[in-house]
Amino acid sequence: MKKLMGLIIFTLFASSIFAQGAKMETKPSMKSDLKMKHECYMMKDGALVHCMGDKTEAQNTAVTLKGGTVISPKGEVKMKDGKTMKLENGQCMSMMGSIGDCEKMHPSKATKKETPVSKEPAPAKD
């Protein structure tokens, strides 16, 4: 009887150690997922774009943020207190409602500027 009780206690103790080990392994990956899930709305080429981490998609409907701010697909912002403004190209609005320049707020999201191509004809070969 003592051996059976000892075996049961050992089994319960061992299973609780394994359960705690599994929890410890998932926490770091959850933190990295939170970093990747940065979310904002940005005006790009006159259209509203929803940015989620490294992914972007066109936003075709009005969006209401948690604070009550509404953003239209044309970039018109109506704050909860009634103030209105329009996002310009390159401006970005966080999910908390703060507006700023996307290049300054998110250096990794900086839009690449294309270099102008020379229109001079290439020299003729003899």
Protein backbone atom coordinates (compact mmCIF):
# COMPACT_ATOMS: atom_id res chain seq x y z
CA MET A 1 0.00 0.00 0.00
CA LYS A 2 2.86 2.38 0.82
CA LYS A 3 4.48 1.64 -2.52
CA LEU A 4 1.23 2.40 -4.38
CA MET A 5 0.78 5.75 -2.57
CA GLY A 6 4.42 6.60 -3.26
CA LEU A 7 3.96 5.81 -6.96
CA ILE A 8 0.82 7.98 -7.18
CA ILE A 9 2.53 10.91 -5.44
CA PHE A 10 5.59 10.56 -7.68
CA THR A 11 3.38 10.49 -10.82
CA LEU A 12 1.47 13.63 -9.75
CA PHE A 13 4.71 15.43 -8.91
CA ALA A 14 6.34 14.46 -12.24
CA SER A 15 3.29 15.53 -14.28
CA SER A 16 3.16 18.92 -12.56
CA ILE A 17 6.84 19.51 -13.42
CA PHE A 18 6.21 18.71 -17.09
CA ALA A 19 3.14 20.97 -17.17
CA GLN A 20 5.14 23.91 -15.80
CA GLY A 21 7.93 23.26 -18.30
CA ALA A 22 5.48 23.47 -21.20
CA LYS A 23 4.16 26.83 -19.97
CA MET A 24 7.66 28.25 -19.68
CA GLU A 25 8.42 27.38 -23.31
CA THR A 26 5.37 29.20 -24.73
CA LYS A 27 5.97 32.55 -23.01
CA PRO A 28 8.97 33.74 -25.08
CA SER A 29 7.24 32.95 -28.37
CA MET A 30 4.16 34.88 -27.23
CA LYS A 31 6.31 37.93 -26.56
CA SER A 32 7.85 37.76 -30.03
CA ASP A 33 4.36 37.44 -31.55
CA LEU A 34 3.29 40.63 -29.76
CA LYS A 35 6.23 42.51 -31.27
CA MET A 36 5.30 41.34 -34.76
CA LYS A 37 1.67 42.42 -34.43
CA HIS A 38 2.19 46.18 -34.57
CA GLU A 39 -0.95 47.70 -36.07
CA CYS A 40 -1.70 51.11 -37.58
CA TYR A 41 -3.52 52.87 -40.42
CA MET A 42 -1.47 54.76 -43.00
CA MET A 43 -2.23 57.00 -45.98
CA LYS A 44 -0.33 55.81 -49.03
CA ASP A 45 -0.93 57.21 -52.53
CA GLY A 46 -4.25 58.75 -51.45
CA ALA A 47 -5.66 55.51 -50.04
CA LEU A 48 -5.97 54.19 -46.49
CA VAL A 49 -3.84 51.13 -45.78
CA HIS A 50 -4.12 48.85 -42.72
CA CYS A 51 -0.65 47.78 -41.52
CA MET A 52 -0.37 44.64 -39.37
CA GLY A 53 3.22 43.75 -38.58
CA ASP A 54 4.88 43.24 -41.95
CA LYS A 55 1.59 42.84 -43.84
CA THR A 56 -0.43 45.65 -45.42
CA GLU A 57 -3.85 45.65 -47.03
CA ALA A 58 -6.12 48.30 -48.51
CA GLN A 59 -8.85 49.51 -46.13
CA ASN A 60 -12.10 50.03 -48.07
CA THR A 61 -14.47 50.64 -45.14
CA ALA A 62 -14.59 53.12 -42.27
CA VAL A 63 -12.80 52.02 -39.10
CA THR A 64 -13.75 52.90 -35.51
CA LEU A 65 -10.88 52.72 -33.02
CA LYS A 66 -11.33 51.80 -29.34
CA GLY A 67 -11.24 55.45 -28.27
CA GLY A 68 -14.14 56.33 -30.60
CA THR A 69 -12.07 57.86 -33.41
CA VAL A 70 -13.41 57.06 -36.89
CA ILE A 71 -11.18 56.88 -39.99
CA SER A 72 -12.78 56.86 -43.45
CA PRO A 73 -11.20 55.09 -46.46
CA LYS A 74 -10.34 58.56 -47.85
CA GLY A 75 -8.28 59.37 -44.74
CA GLU A 76 -10.78 61.68 -43.04
CA VAL A 77 -10.43 61.37 -39.26
CA LYS A 78 -13.24 62.27 -36.88
CA MET A 79 -12.20 62.31 -33.23
CA LYS A 80 -14.58 61.35 -30.43
CA ASP A 81 -14.80 65.02 -29.34
CA GLY A 82 -15.99 66.04 -32.86
CA LYS A 83 -12.71 67.43 -34.28
CA THR A 84 -12.05 66.43 -37.87
CA MET A 85 -8.89 66.34 -39.96
CA LYS A 86 -7.50 64.55 -42.99
CA LEU A 87 -4.47 62.28 -43.06
CA GLU A 88 -1.88 63.24 -45.66
CA ASN A 89 0.24 60.79 -47.65
CA GLY A 90 2.91 59.33 -45.36
CA GLN A 91 0.98 60.02 -42.17
CA CYS A 92 0.04 57.20 -39.89
CA MET A 93 -2.50 56.72 -37.08
CA SER A 94 -1.83 54.24 -34.30
CA MET A 95 -4.55 52.11 -32.79
CA MET A 96 -4.43 54.41 -29.74
CA GLY A 97 -5.35 57.42 -31.92
CA SER A 98 -2.01 59.26 -32.17
CA ILE A 99 -1.10 60.69 -35.56
CA GLY A 100 2.43 61.10 -36.87
CA ASP A 101 4.83 60.66 -39.74
CA CYS A 102 5.13 56.96 -40.61
CA GLU A 103 8.86 57.16 -41.29
CA LYS A 104 9.47 58.59 -37.80
CA MET A 105 6.98 56.37 -35.95
CA HIS A 106 7.97 53.15 -37.72
CA PRO A 107 11.43 53.23 -39.33
CA SER A 108 10.97 49.65 -40.58
CA LYS A 109 7.84 50.74 -42.49
CA ALA A 110 9.61 53.62 -44.25
CA THR A 111 8.49 53.88 -47.84
CA LYS A 112 11.30 53.37 -50.28
CA LYS A 113 11.89 56.42 -52.43
CA GLU A 114 12.62 55.59 -56.03
CA THR A 115 15.60 57.21 -57.66
CA PRO A 116 14.81 59.10 -60.85
CA VAL A 117 15.86 57.37 -64.05
CA SER A 118 17.97 59.33 -66.48
CA LYS A 119 16.21 59.91 -69.82
CA GLU A 120 19.43 60.47 -71.73
CA PRO A 121 19.92 58.07 -74.62
CA ALA A 122 22.62 55.46 -74.27
CA PRO A 123 25.82 56.13 -76.26
CA ALA A 124 25.85 54.46 -79.66
CA LYS A 125 28.29 51.60 -80.22
CA ASP A 126 30.57 51.79 -83.26
